[in-house]
Each structure stands twice: as C-alpha cells, then as structure tokens.
Amino acid sequence: MKKTPLGHVTCPVCDFADAQVKEDKNGHAYIHCSDCNAQTFTRNDFRNGKLRGRMRAVTVTVTDDTVTVTAPAPATAPPPAADKVPPVKKPGGWLQPLLAQG
C-alpha cells in the first residue's frame, strides 16, 4: 500500500530538500527520503510534534477534471545577524596555569 505524503522536510542524512513526511500505522510521522532511501522514525508524541512542526505541508488543488499536488519551496535559513559577534576565547584554557608553574 502506497502512503500519501503529509509534507516535506530536508533529509537529516543527505540534506535532500524534498524528503517526504508520511504517517506510520500508529499515527506517528516519519521521514522517507527518495534520494538516499533513508527512513527516520519518530517513536513518541514529542518527536512526532517536532517533526510535524518542521514540515512543509503538501497543497492539493482540485478543479473540474484535474487534481494538482504541489509542495512549497524549501525553506531557507535566515541570514546570520551582523550584530552578533562570537566571544573571543582565551588561549590555553584551563591548562595554561598548570603549564606556567613548571
């Protein structure tokens, strides 16, 4: 039995942008990637909710004689903020005072 996709996400294994999100027999969402054939399952309600929150839903348009199924374009990450500068680490860390004694 072929399952219809609920939506699409980026594959966590190969970064393919249109991996399908489907539903298993228990009602939990799982990822099936058609590019690398990986399957990633959610085993509890918390993970199921997280995956469903990340997915891009499939849109179905029905007209007189045709049915069109489309998925929205993959979401892109927002550009990094220019005002956030990573903190500067001190050289040596916790080992530096020990090395200075000897």
C-alpha atoms as a PDB file:
ATOM      1  CA  MET A   1       0.000   0.000   0.000  1.00  0.00           C
ATOM      2  CA  LYS A   2       1.467   3.313  -1.079  1.00  0.00           C
ATOM      3  CA  LYS A   3       1.176   6.036   1.544  1.00  0.00           C
ATOM      4  CA  THR A   4       0.474   9.626   0.558  1.00  0.00           C
ATOM      5  CA  PRO A   5       2.908  12.222   1.882  1.00  0.00           C
ATOM      6  CA  LEU A   6       1.801  14.650   4.589  1.00  0.00           C
ATOM      7  CA  GLY A   7       4.534  17.133   3.745  1.00  0.00           C
ATOM      8  CA  HIS A   8       8.228  17.599   3.010  1.00  0.00           C
ATOM      9  CA  VAL A   9      11.350  18.312   5.075  1.00  0.00           C
ATOM     10  CA  THR A  10      15.083  18.354   4.484  1.00  0.00           C
ATOM     11  CA  CYS A  11      16.583  14.868   4.877  1.00  0.00           C
ATOM     12  CA  PRO A  12      18.755  14.645   8.023  1.00  0.00           C
ATOM     13  CA  VAL A  13      21.054  12.122   6.300  1.00  0.00           C
ATOM     14  CA  CYS A  14      21.810  13.608   2.861  1.00  0.00           C
ATOM     15  CA  ASP A  15      20.304  17.142   3.037  1.00  0.00           C
ATOM     16  CA  PHE A  16      17.897  16.414   0.154  1.00  0.00           C
ATOM     17  CA  ALA A  17      15.350  19.248   0.332  1.00  0.00           C
ATOM     18  CA  ASP A  18      12.192  17.305  -0.528  1.00  0.00           C
ATOM     19  CA  ALA A  19      12.201  14.193   1.680  1.00  0.00           C
ATOM     20  CA  GLN A  20       8.613  13.082   2.226  1.00  0.00           C
ATOM     21  CA  VAL A  21       6.922  13.016   5.615  1.00  0.00           C
ATOM     22  CA  LYS A  22       4.496  10.098   5.874  1.00  0.00           C
ATOM     23  CA  GLU A  23       2.451   8.554   8.687  1.00  0.00           C
ATOM     24  CA  ASP A  24       3.043   5.061  10.136  1.00  0.00           C
ATOM     25  CA  LYS A  25       0.394   2.647  11.382  1.00  0.00           C
ATOM     26  CA  ASN A  26       0.498   4.222  14.878  1.00  0.00           C
ATOM     27  CA  GLY A  27      -0.196   7.725  13.568  1.00  0.00           C
ATOM     28  CA  HIS A  28       3.356   8.994  14.059  1.00  0.00           C
ATOM     29  CA  ALA A  29       5.091  10.923  11.301  1.00  0.00           C
ATOM     30  CA  TYR A  30       8.291   9.591   9.724  1.00  0.00           C
ATOM     31  CA  ILE A  31      10.680  10.802   7.027  1.00  0.00           C
ATOM     32  CA  HIS A  32      11.305   8.837   3.836  1.00  0.00           C
ATOM     33  CA  CYS A  33      13.984  10.260   1.552  1.00  0.00           C
ATOM     34  CA  SER A  34      13.689   9.288  -2.108  1.00  0.00           C
ATOM     35  CA  ASP A  35      17.285  10.401  -2.756  1.00  0.00           C
ATOM     36  CA  CYS A  36      19.217   8.242  -0.225  1.00  0.00           C
ATOM     37  CA  ASN A  37      16.292   5.924   0.735  1.00  0.00           C
ATOM     38  CA  ALA A  38      16.749   6.661   4.461  1.00  0.00           C
ATOM     39  CA  GLN A  39      13.799   6.318   6.820  1.00  0.00           C
ATOM     40  CA  THR A  40      13.753   8.300  10.069  1.00  0.00           C
ATOM     41  CA  PHE A  41      11.010   7.363  12.529  1.00  0.00           C
ATOM     42  CA  THR A  42       9.515   9.268  15.447  1.00  0.00           C
ATOM     43  CA  ARG A  43       8.783   6.945  18.350  1.00  0.00           C
ATOM     44  CA  ASN A  44       6.844   9.212  20.712  1.00  0.00           C
ATOM     45  CA  ASP A  45       4.417  12.126  20.696  1.00  0.00           C
ATOM     46  CA  PHE A  46       7.084  14.753  21.492  1.00  0.00           C
ATOM     47  CA  ARG A  47       9.245  13.865  18.471  1.00  0.00           C
ATOM     48  CA  ASN A  48       6.145  13.466  16.319  1.00  0.00           C
ATOM     49  CA  GLY A  49       5.104  17.026  17.166  1.00  0.00           C
ATOM     50  CA  LYS A  50       8.573  18.382  16.447  1.00  0.00           C
ATOM     51  CA  LEU A  51       8.686  16.744  13.003  1.00  0.00           C
ATOM     52  CA  ARG A  52       5.176  17.869  12.082  1.00  0.00           C
ATOM     53  CA  GLY A  53       6.126  21.408  13.122  1.00  0.00           C
ATOM     54  CA  ARG A  54       9.140  21.405  10.794  1.00  0.00           C
ATOM     55  CA  MET A  55       7.453  20.000   7.701  1.00  0.00           C
ATOM     56  CA  ARG A  56       6.184  21.989   4.749  1.00  0.00           C
ATOM     57  CA  ALA A  57       2.618  20.845   4.084  1.00  0.00           C
ATOM     58  CA  VAL A  58       1.507  19.414   0.746  1.00  0.00           C
ATOM     59  CA  THR A  59      -1.076  21.547  -1.038  1.00  0.00           C
ATOM     60  CA  VAL A  60      -3.848  19.839  -3.014  1.00  0.00           C
ATOM     61  CA  THR A  61      -5.799  21.856  -5.595  1.00  0.00           C
ATOM     62  CA  VAL A  62      -8.910  20.269  -7.112  1.00  0.00           C
ATOM     63  CA  THR A  63     -10.541  21.762 -10.201  1.00  0.00           C
ATOM     64  CA  ASP A  64     -13.151  20.282 -12.566  1.00  0.00           C
ATOM     65  CA  ASP A  65     -11.161  17.363 -14.002  1.00  0.00           C
ATOM     66  CA  THR A  66      -7.681  17.761 -12.570  1.00  0.00           C
ATOM     67  CA  VAL A  67      -6.009  17.341  -9.215  1.00  0.00           C
ATOM     68  CA  THR A  68      -2.749  19.208  -8.666  1.00  0.00           C
ATOM     69  CA  VAL A  69      -0.497  18.321  -5.729  1.00  0.00           C
ATOM     70  CA  THR A  70       2.284  20.778  -5.011  1.00  0.00           C
ATOM     71  CA  ALA A  71       4.761  21.299  -2.228  1.00  0.00           C
ATOM     72  CA  PRO A  72       6.029  24.757  -1.293  1.00  0.00           C
ATOM     73  CA  ALA A  73       9.638  25.674  -1.961  1.00  0.00           C
ATOM     74  CA  PRO A  74      12.155  24.502   0.651  1.00  0.00           C
ATOM     75  CA  ALA A  75      12.602  26.946   3.491  1.00  0.00           C
ATOM     76  CA  THR A  76      15.919  28.743   3.552  1.00  0.00           C
ATOM     77  CA  ALA A  77      17.816  29.601   6.695  1.00  0.00           C
ATOM     78  CA  PRO A  78      17.728  33.266   7.678  1.00  0.00           C
ATOM     79  CA  PRO A  79      20.973  35.157   7.110  1.00  0.00           C
ATOM     80  CA  PRO A  80      23.231  35.392  10.156  1.00  0.00           C
ATOM     81  CA  ALA A  81      22.816  38.533  12.203  1.00  0.00           C
ATOM     82  CA  ALA A  82      25.653  41.011  11.713  1.00  0.00           C
ATOM     83  CA  ASP A  83      25.418  42.364  15.261  1.00  0.00           C
ATOM     84  CA  LYS A  84      26.170  39.006  16.906  1.00  0.00           C
ATOM     85  CA  VAL A  85      29.895  38.502  17.337  1.00  0.00           C
ATOM     86  CA  PRO A  86      31.126  35.242  18.853  1.00  0.00           C
ATOM     87  CA  PRO A  87      33.065  35.616  22.121  1.00  0.00           C
ATOM     88  CA  VAL A  88      36.840  35.505  21.931  1.00  0.00           C
ATOM     89  CA  LYS A  89      38.395  32.525  23.716  1.00  0.00           C
ATOM     90  CA  LYS A  90      41.477  32.987  25.849  1.00  0.00           C
ATOM     91  CA  PRO A  91      44.419  30.908  24.624  1.00  0.00           C
ATOM     92  CA  GLY A  92      45.401  27.941  26.730  1.00  0.00           C
ATOM     93  CA  GLY A  93      42.177  27.445  28.643  1.00  0.00           C
ATOM     94  CA  TRP A  94      42.314  25.593  31.966  1.00  0.00           C
ATOM     95  CA  LEU A  95      45.714  24.029  31.197  1.00  0.00           C
ATOM     96  CA  GLN A  96      47.609  27.341  30.888  1.00  0.00           C
ATOM     97  CA  PRO A  97      48.071  27.979  34.676  1.00  0.00           C
ATOM     98  CA  LEU A  98      49.445  24.452  35.135  1.00  0.00           C
ATOM     99  CA  LEU A  99      51.954  24.893  32.325  1.00  0.00           C
ATOM    100  CA  ALA A 100      53.089  28.252  33.728  1.00  0.00           C
ATOM    101  CA  GLN A 101      54.061  26.657  37.071  1.00  0.00           C
ATOM    102  CA  GLY A 102      56.588  24.242  35.608  1.00  0.00           C
END
